[in-house]
Amino acid sequence: MTTVNIDIPDDRAASLSAEAHAHGMDLKGWIESVLSTKTAPRRGRYTAAELAALCDAGASLSDEERAWLEAPPVGREVL
């Protein structure tokens, strides 16, 4: 096993830790989970079916994502 130390600002570490806890994990477990996730190799284009297959339909929205979706329009957005 290889150990890697990464220096990041405290506020970023807190943000990552909060993200891990939102997934029910500690920071180390969450990072290991993210790093072990296999993704499709990058190609020029994907079909809608390929993109849908990569999505976790059971994933919950973060507070930030929920706030963004529920925010009122601020310009000329088409709804």
PDB file of N, CA and C in Angstrom:
ATOM      1  N   MET A   1       0.853  -1.178   0.000  1.00  0.00           N
ATOM      2  CA  MET A   1       0.000   0.000   0.000  1.00  0.00           C
ATOM      3  C   MET A   1       0.892   1.232   0.000  1.00  0.00           C
ATOM      4  N   THR A   2       0.496   2.232  -0.762  1.00  0.00           N
ATOM      5  CA  THR A   2       1.222   3.487  -0.840  1.00  0.00           C
ATOM      6  C   THR A   2       0.455   4.558  -0.082  1.00  0.00           C
ATOM      7  N   THR A   3       1.169   5.354   0.693  1.00  0.00           N
ATOM      8  CA  THR A   3       0.557   6.462   1.424  1.00  0.00           C
ATOM      9  C   THR A   3       0.887   7.757   0.706  1.00  0.00           C
ATOM     10  N   VAL A   4      -0.139   8.581   0.507  1.00  0.00           N
ATOM     11  CA  VAL A   4       0.045   9.865  -0.159  1.00  0.00           C
ATOM     12  C   VAL A   4      -0.485  10.956   0.764  1.00  0.00           C
ATOM     13  N   ASN A   5       0.303  11.980   1.001  1.00  0.00           N
ATOM     14  CA  ASN A   5      -0.134  13.127   1.788  1.00  0.00           C
ATOM     15  C   ASN A   5      -0.392  14.292   0.850  1.00  0.00           C
ATOM     16  N   ILE A   6      -1.542  14.917   1.036  1.00  0.00           N
ATOM     17  CA  ILE A   6      -1.922  16.055   0.201  1.00  0.00           C
ATOM     18  C   ILE A   6      -2.188  17.243   1.112  1.00  0.00           C
ATOM     19  N   ASP A   7      -1.508  18.339   0.871  1.00  0.00           N
ATOM     20  CA  ASP A   7      -1.733  19.563   1.637  1.00  0.00           C
ATOM     21  C   ASP A   7      -2.774  20.408   0.923  1.00  0.00           C
ATOM     22  N   ILE A   8      -3.885  20.658   1.622  1.00  0.00           N
ATOM     23  CA  ILE A   8      -4.933  21.508   1.076  1.00  0.00           C
ATOM     24  C   ILE A   8      -5.349  22.504   2.147  1.00  0.00           C
ATOM     25  N   PRO A   9      -5.919  23.626   1.747  1.00  0.00           N
ATOM     26  CA  PRO A   9      -6.355  24.619   2.734  1.00  0.00           C
ATOM     27  C   PRO A   9      -7.426  24.026   3.667  1.00  0.00           C
ATOM     28  N   ASP A  10      -7.454  24.524   4.896  1.00  0.00           N
ATOM     29  CA  ASP A  10      -8.385  24.010   5.900  1.00  0.00           C
ATOM     30  C   ASP A  10      -9.841  24.099   5.454  1.00  0.00           C
ATOM     31  N   ASP A  11     -10.215  25.195   4.788  1.00  0.00           N
ATOM     32  CA  ASP A  11     -11.614  25.325   4.366  1.00  0.00           C
ATOM     33  C   ASP A  11     -11.976  24.291   3.307  1.00  0.00           C
ATOM     34  N   ARG A  12     -11.040  23.951   2.434  1.00  0.00           N
ATOM     35  CA  ARG A  12     -11.283  22.925   1.419  1.00  0.00           C
ATOM     36  C   ARG A  12     -11.368  21.547   2.082  1.00  0.00           C
ATOM     37  N   ALA A  13     -10.522  21.296   3.065  1.00  0.00           N
ATOM     38  CA  ALA A  13     -10.571  20.031   3.794  1.00  0.00           C
ATOM     39  C   ALA A  13     -11.907  19.884   4.510  1.00  0.00           C
ATOM     40  N   ALA A  14     -12.404  20.961   5.082  1.00  0.00           N
ATOM     41  CA  ALA A  14     -13.696  20.923   5.763  1.00  0.00           C
ATOM     42  C   ALA A  14     -14.813  20.641   4.761  1.00  0.00           C
ATOM     43  N   SER A  15     -14.725  21.234   3.586  1.00  0.00           N
ATOM     44  CA  SER A  15     -15.719  21.007   2.544  1.00  0.00           C
ATOM     45  C   SER A  15     -15.714  19.550   2.087  1.00  0.00           C
ATOM     46  N   LEU A  16     -14.531  18.994   1.881  1.00  0.00           N
ATOM     47  CA  LEU A  16     -14.419  17.597   1.480  1.00  0.00           C
ATOM     48  C   LEU A  16     -14.931  16.666   2.575  1.00  0.00           C
ATOM     49  N   SER A  17     -14.623  17.002   3.813  1.00  0.00           N
ATOM     50  CA  SER A  17     -15.084  16.200   4.948  1.00  0.00           C
ATOM     51  C   SER A  17     -16.612  16.227   5.033  1.00  0.00           C
ATOM     52  N   ALA A  18     -17.204  17.386   4.810  1.00  0.00           N
ATOM     53  CA  ALA A  18     -18.671  17.502   4.819  1.00  0.00           C
ATOM     54  C   ALA A  18     -19.281  16.672   3.693  1.00  0.00           C
ATOM     55  N   GLU A  19     -18.653  16.679   2.540  1.00  0.00           N
ATOM     56  CA  GLU A  19     -19.126  15.868   1.421  1.00  0.00           C
ATOM     57  C   GLU A  19     -19.059  14.382   1.771  1.00  0.00           C
ATOM     58  N   ALA A  20     -17.980  13.984   2.419  1.00  0.00           N
ATOM     59  CA  ALA A  20     -17.833  12.582   2.836  1.00  0.00           C
ATOM     60  C   ALA A  20     -18.924  12.202   3.823  1.00  0.00           C
ATOM     61  N   HIS A  21     -19.172  13.053   4.805  1.00  0.00           N
ATOM     62  CA  HIS A  21     -20.190  12.765   5.814  1.00  0.00           C
ATOM     63  C   HIS A  21     -21.589  12.729   5.188  1.00  0.00           C
ATOM     64  N   ALA A  22     -21.814  13.526   4.142  1.00  0.00           N
ATOM     65  CA  ALA A  22     -23.095  13.503   3.454  1.00  0.00           C
ATOM     66  C   ALA A  22     -23.339  12.147   2.783  1.00  0.00           C
ATOM     67  N   HIS A  23     -22.247  11.443   2.486  1.00  0.00           N
ATOM     68  CA  HIS A  23     -22.342  10.109   1.898  1.00  0.00           C
ATOM     69  C   HIS A  23     -22.205   9.017   2.968  1.00  0.00           C
ATOM     70  N   GLY A  24     -22.212   9.423   4.225  1.00  0.00           N
ATOM     71  CA  GLY A  24     -22.153   8.463   5.319  1.00  0.00           C
ATOM     72  C   GLY A  24     -20.787   7.838   5.529  1.00  0.00           C
ATOM     73  N   MET A  25     -19.731   8.555   5.157  1.00  0.00           N
ATOM     74  CA  MET A  25     -18.371   8.017   5.274  1.00  0.00           C
ATOM     75  C   MET A  25     -17.457   9.020   5.949  1.00  0.00           C
ATOM     76  N   ASP A  26     -16.333   8.518   6.437  1.00  0.00           N
ATOM     77  CA  ASP A  26     -15.301   9.444   6.892  1.00  0.00           C
ATOM     78  C   ASP A  26     -14.509   9.880   5.655  1.00  0.00           C
ATOM     79  N   LEU A  27     -13.668  10.883   5.811  1.00  0.00           N
ATOM     80  CA  LEU A  27     -12.968  11.463   4.658  1.00  0.00           C
ATOM     81  C   LEU A  27     -12.103  10.426   3.948  1.00  0.00           C
ATOM     82  N   LYS A  28     -11.356   9.628   4.707  1.00  0.00           N
ATOM     83  CA  LYS A  28     -10.484   8.628   4.100  1.00  0.00           C
ATOM     84  C   LYS A  28     -11.301   7.625   3.285  1.00  0.00           C
ATOM     85  N   GLY A  29     -12.387   7.116   3.865  1.00  0.00           N
ATOM     86  CA  GLY A  29     -13.219   6.143   3.159  1.00  0.00           C
ATOM     87  C   GLY A  29     -13.849   6.723   1.912  1.00  0.00           C
ATOM     88  N   TRP A  30     -14.290   7.981   2.006  1.00  0.00           N
ATOM     89  CA  TRP A  30     -14.912   8.615   0.855  1.00  0.00           C
ATOM     90  C   TRP A  30     -13.906   8.802  -0.275  1.00  0.00           C
ATOM     91  N   ILE A  31     -12.701   9.275   0.049  1.00  0.00           N
ATOM     92  CA  ILE A  31     -11.670   9.469  -0.976  1.00  0.00           C
ATOM     93  C   ILE A  31     -11.317   8.132  -1.621  1.00  0.00           C
ATOM     94  N   GLU A  32     -11.188   7.073  -0.811  1.00  0.00           N
ATOM     95  CA  GLU A  32     -10.906   5.751  -1.370  1.00  0.00           C
ATOM     96  C   GLU A  32     -12.029   5.307  -2.307  1.00  0.00           C
ATOM     97  N   SER A  33     -13.265   5.596  -1.916  1.00  0.00           N
ATOM     98  CA  SER A  33     -14.417   5.237  -2.744  1.00  0.00           C
ATOM     99  C   SER A  33     -14.390   5.994  -4.070  1.00  0.00           C
ATOM    100  N   VAL A  34     -14.115   7.283  -4.003  1.00  0.00           N
ATOM    101  CA  VAL A  34     -14.067   8.100  -5.224  1.00  0.00           C
ATOM    102  C   VAL A  34     -12.939   7.636  -6.133  1.00  0.00           C
ATOM    103  N   LEU A  35     -11.793   7.350  -5.561  1.00  0.00           N
ATOM    104  CA  LEU A  35     -10.647   6.940  -6.370  1.00  0.00           C
ATOM    105  C   LEU A  35     -10.826   5.557  -6.975  1.00  0.00           C
ATOM    106  N   SER A  36     -11.614   4.713  -6.346  1.00  0.00           N
ATOM    107  CA  SER A  36     -11.800   3.358  -6.864  1.00  0.00           C
ATOM    108  C   SER A  36     -12.945   3.265  -7.864  1.00  0.00           C
ATOM    109  N   THR A  37     -13.707   4.346  -8.023  1.00  0.00           N
ATOM    110  CA  THR A  37     -14.817   4.351  -8.965  1.00  0.00           C
ATOM    111  C   THR A  37     -14.282   4.320 -10.387  1.00  0.00           C
ATOM    112  N   LYS A  38     -14.779   3.375 -11.144  1.00  0.00           N
ATOM    113  CA  LYS A  38     -14.333   3.269 -12.535  1.00  0.00           C
ATOM    114  C   LYS A  38     -15.229   4.132 -13.406  1.00  0.00           C
ATOM    115  N   THR A  39     -14.625   4.854 -14.296  1.00  0.00           N
ATOM    116  CA  THR A  39     -15.375   5.676 -15.238  1.00  0.00           C
ATOM    117  C   THR A  39     -15.049   5.220 -16.652  1.00  0.00           C
ATOM    118  N   ALA A  40     -15.929   5.524 -17.554  1.00  0.00           N
ATOM    119  CA  ALA A  40     -15.711   5.165 -18.953  1.00  0.00           C
ATOM    120  C   ALA A  40     -14.556   5.987 -19.507  1.00  0.00           C
ATOM    121  N   PRO A  41     -13.747   5.394 -20.354  1.00  0.00           N
ATOM    122  CA  PRO A  41     -12.672   6.174 -20.968  1.00  0.00           C
ATOM    123  C   PRO A  41     -13.257   7.291 -21.820  1.00  0.00           C
ATOM    124  N   ARG A  42     -12.581   8.414 -21.845  1.00  0.00           N
ATOM    125  CA  ARG A  42     -13.073   9.587 -22.583  1.00  0.00           C
ATOM    126  C   ARG A  42     -12.957   9.337 -24.074  1.00  0.00           C
ATOM    127  N   ARG A  43     -14.081   9.538 -24.749  1.00  0.00           N
ATOM    128  CA  ARG A  43     -14.120   9.463 -26.199  1.00  0.00           C
ATOM    129  C   ARG A  43     -14.602  10.805 -26.711  1.00  0.00           C
ATOM    130  N   GLY A  44     -14.719  10.903 -28.000  1.00  0.00           N
ATOM    131  CA  GLY A  44     -15.194  12.145 -28.593  1.00  0.00           C
ATOM    132  C   GLY A  44     -16.608  12.507 -28.168  1.00  0.00           C
ATOM    133  N   ARG A  45     -17.550  11.551 -28.241  1.00  0.00           N
ATOM    134  CA  ARG A  45     -18.948  11.811 -27.907  1.00  0.00           C
ATOM    135  C   ARG A  45     -19.546  10.597 -27.219  1.00  0.00           C
ATOM    136  N   TYR A  46     -20.579  10.860 -26.434  1.00  0.00           N
ATOM    137  CA  TYR A  46     -21.303   9.795 -25.759  1.00  0.00           C
ATOM    138  C   TYR A  46     -22.768   9.840 -26.198  1.00  0.00           C
ATOM    139  N   THR A  47     -23.421   8.691 -26.175  1.00  0.00           N
ATOM    140  CA  THR A  47     -24.855   8.667 -26.424  1.00  0.00           C
ATOM    141  C   THR A  47     -25.561   8.975 -25.106  1.00  0.00           C
ATOM    142  N   ALA A  48     -26.843   9.320 -25.194  1.00  0.00           N
ATOM    143  CA  ALA A  48     -27.619   9.580 -23.975  1.00  0.00           C
ATOM    144  C   ALA A  48     -27.659   8.335 -23.102  1.00  0.00           C
ATOM    145  N   ALA A  49     -27.760   7.163 -23.718  1.00  0.00           N
ATOM    146  CA  ALA A  49     -27.796   5.906 -22.954  1.00  0.00           C
ATOM    147  C   ALA A  49     -26.486   5.676 -22.205  1.00  0.00           C
ATOM    148  N   GLU A  50     -25.359   5.991 -22.845  1.00  0.00           N
ATOM    149  CA  GLU A  50     -24.065   5.833 -22.176  1.00  0.00           C
ATOM    150  C   GLU A  50     -23.945   6.786 -20.988  1.00  0.00           C
ATOM    151  N   LEU A  51     -24.382   8.020 -21.159  1.00  0.00           N
ATOM    152  CA  LEU A  51     -24.329   8.986 -20.063  1.00  0.00           C
ATOM    153  C   LEU A  51     -25.250   8.568 -18.935  1.00  0.00           C
ATOM    154  N   ALA A  52     -26.434   8.095 -19.257  1.00  0.00           N
ATOM    155  CA  ALA A  52     -27.377   7.654 -18.231  1.00  0.00           C
ATOM    156  C   ALA A  52     -26.816   6.467 -17.458  1.00  0.00           C
ATOM    157  N   ALA A  53     -26.098   5.588 -18.131  1.00  0.00           N
ATOM    158  CA  ALA A  53     -25.512   4.419 -17.472  1.00  0.00           C
ATOM    159  C   ALA A  53     -24.434   4.821 -16.463  1.00  0.00           C
ATOM    160  N   LEU A  54     -23.816   5.968 -16.653  1.00  0.00           N
ATOM    161  CA  LEU A  54     -22.775   6.443 -15.740  1.00  0.00           C
ATOM    162  C   LEU A  54     -23.344   7.149 -14.509  1.00  0.00           C
ATOM    163  N   CYS A  55     -24.635   7.470 -14.542  1.00  0.00           N
ATOM    164  CA  CYS A  55     -25.256   8.229 -13.465  1.00  0.00           C
ATOM    165  C   CYS A  55     -25.728   7.318 -12.342  1.00  0.00           C
ATOM    166  N   ASP A  56     -25.663   7.837 -11.135  1.00  0.00           N
ATOM    167  CA  ASP A  56     -26.203   7.142  -9.967  1.00  0.00           C
ATOM    168  C   ASP A  56     -27.575   7.748  -9.690  1.00  0.00           C
ATOM    169  N   ALA A  57     -28.619   7.076 -10.145  1.00  0.00           N
ATOM    170  CA  ALA A  57     -29.972   7.603 -10.006  1.00  0.00           C
ATOM    171  C   ALA A  57     -30.397   7.719  -8.548  1.00  0.00           C
ATOM    172  N   GLY A  58     -29.759   6.968  -7.671  1.00  0.00           N
ATOM    173  CA  GLY A  58     -30.109   7.010  -6.252  1.00  0.00           C
ATOM    174  C   GLY A  58     -29.340   8.058  -5.465  1.00  0.00           C
ATOM    175  N   ALA A  59     -28.436   8.764  -6.117  1.00  0.00           N
ATOM    176  CA  ALA A  59     -27.627   9.763  -5.408  1.00  0.00           C
ATOM    177  C   ALA A  59     -28.498  10.947  -5.001  1.00  0.00           C
ATOM    178  N   SER A  60     -28.292  11.414  -3.791  1.00  0.00           N
ATOM    179  CA  SER A  60     -29.050  12.572  -3.334  1.00  0.00           C
ATOM    180  C   SER A  60     -28.303  13.854  -3.693  1.00  0.00           C
ATOM    181  N   LEU A  61     -29.052  14.928  -3.795  1.00  0.00           N
ATOM    182  CA  LEU A  61     -28.456  16.228  -4.103  1.00  0.00           C
ATOM    183  C   LEU A  61     -27.785  16.792  -2.863  1.00  0.00           C
ATOM    184  N   SER A  62     -26.677  17.481  -3.077  1.00  0.00           N
ATOM    185  CA  SER A  62     -26.025  18.180  -1.975  1.00  0.00           C
ATOM    186  C   SER A  62     -26.842  19.433  -1.650  1.00  0.00           C
ATOM    187  N   ASP A  63     -26.592  20.032  -0.510  1.00  0.00           N
ATOM    188  CA  ASP A  63     -27.287  21.272  -0.151  1.00  0.00           C
ATOM    189  C   ASP A  63     -27.035  22.354  -1.196  1.00  0.00           C
ATOM    190  N   GLU A  64     -25.807  22.404  -1.710  1.00  0.00           N
ATOM    191  CA  GLU A  64     -25.455  23.408  -2.713  1.00  0.00           C
ATOM    192  C   GLU A  64     -26.234  23.184  -4.011  1.00  0.00           C
ATOM    193  N   GLU A  65     -26.335  21.924  -4.452  1.00  0.00           N
ATOM    194  CA  GLU A  65     -27.082  21.629  -5.664  1.00  0.00           C
ATOM    195  C   GLU A  65     -28.572  21.937  -5.488  1.00  0.00           C
ATOM    196  N   ARG A  66     -29.110  21.583  -4.334  1.00  0.00           N
ATOM    197  CA  ARG A  66     -30.527  21.834  -4.070  1.00  0.00           C
ATOM    198  C   ARG A  66     -30.810  23.342  -4.068  1.00  0.00           C
ATOM    199  N   ALA A  67     -29.921  24.114  -3.433  1.00  0.00           N
ATOM    200  CA  ALA A  67     -30.095  25.569  -3.382  1.00  0.00           C
ATOM    201  C   ALA A  67     -30.036  26.166  -4.790  1.00  0.00           C
ATOM    202  N   TRP A  68     -29.140  25.656  -5.612  1.00  0.00           N
ATOM    203  CA  TRP A  68     -29.018  26.160  -6.985  1.00  0.00           C
ATOM    204  C   TRP A  68     -30.285  25.875  -7.775  1.00  0.00           C
ATOM    205  N   LEU A  69     -30.831  24.668  -7.632  1.00  0.00           N
ATOM    206  CA  LEU A  69     -32.041  24.309  -8.361  1.00  0.00           C
ATOM    207  C   LEU A  69     -33.262  25.091  -7.894  1.00  0.00           C
ATOM    208  N   GLU A  70     -33.304  25.434  -6.612  1.00  0.00           N
ATOM    209  CA  GLU A  70     -34.456  26.127  -6.058  1.00  0.00           C
ATOM    210  C   GLU A  70     -34.332  27.653  -6.107  1.00  0.00           C
ATOM    211  N   ALA A  71     -33.187  28.150  -6.550  1.00  0.00           N
ATOM    212  CA  ALA A  71     -32.967  29.595  -6.600  1.00  0.00           C
ATOM    213  C   ALA A  71     -33.860  30.223  -7.667  1.00  0.00           C
ATOM    214  N   PRO A  72     -34.301  31.457  -7.432  1.00  0.00           N
ATOM    215  CA  PRO A  72     -35.121  32.138  -8.435  1.00  0.00           C
ATOM    216  C   PRO A  72     -34.248  32.567  -9.615  1.00  0.00           C
ATOM    217  N   PRO A  73     -34.858  32.787 -10.793  1.00  0.00           N
ATOM    218  CA  PRO A  73     -34.103  33.253 -11.952  1.00  0.00           C
ATOM    219  C   PRO A  73     -33.444  34.613 -11.653  1.00  0.00           C
ATOM    220  N   VAL A  74     -32.259  34.813 -12.203  1.00  0.00           N
ATOM    221  CA  VAL A  74     -31.545  36.073 -11.973  1.00  0.00           C
ATOM    222  C   VAL A  74     -31.319  36.856 -13.249  1.00  0.00           C
ATOM    223  N   GLY A  75     -31.705  36.303 -14.361  1.00  0.00           N
ATOM    224  CA  GLY A  75     -31.462  36.973 -15.641  1.00  0.00           C
ATOM    225  C   GLY A  75     -32.514  36.583 -16.639  1.00  0.00           C
ATOM    226  N   ARG A  76     -32.049  36.178 -17.802  1.00  0.00           N
ATOM    227  CA  ARG A  76     -32.990  35.832 -18.868  1.00  0.00           C
ATOM    228  C   ARG A  76     -33.008  34.318 -19.109  1.00  0.00           C
ATOM    229  N   GLU A  77     -33.031  33.556 -18.027  1.00  0.00           N
ATOM    230  CA  GLU A  77     -33.066  32.110 -18.167  1.00  0.00           C
ATOM    231  C   GLU A  77     -34.369  31.686 -18.813  1.00  0.00           C
ATOM    232  N   VAL A  78     -34.301  30.666 -19.616  1.00  0.00           N
ATOM    233  CA  VAL A  78     -35.493  30.105 -20.227  1.00  0.00           C
ATOM    234  C   VAL A  78     -35.937  28.960 -19.344  1.00  0.00           C
ATOM    235  N   LEU A  79     -37.156  29.043 -18.854  1.00  0.00           N
ATOM    236  CA  LEU A  79     -37.674  28.003 -17.967  1.00  0.00           C
ATOM    237  C   LEU A  79     -38.676  27.137 -18.679  1.00  0.00           C
TER     238      LEU A  79
END
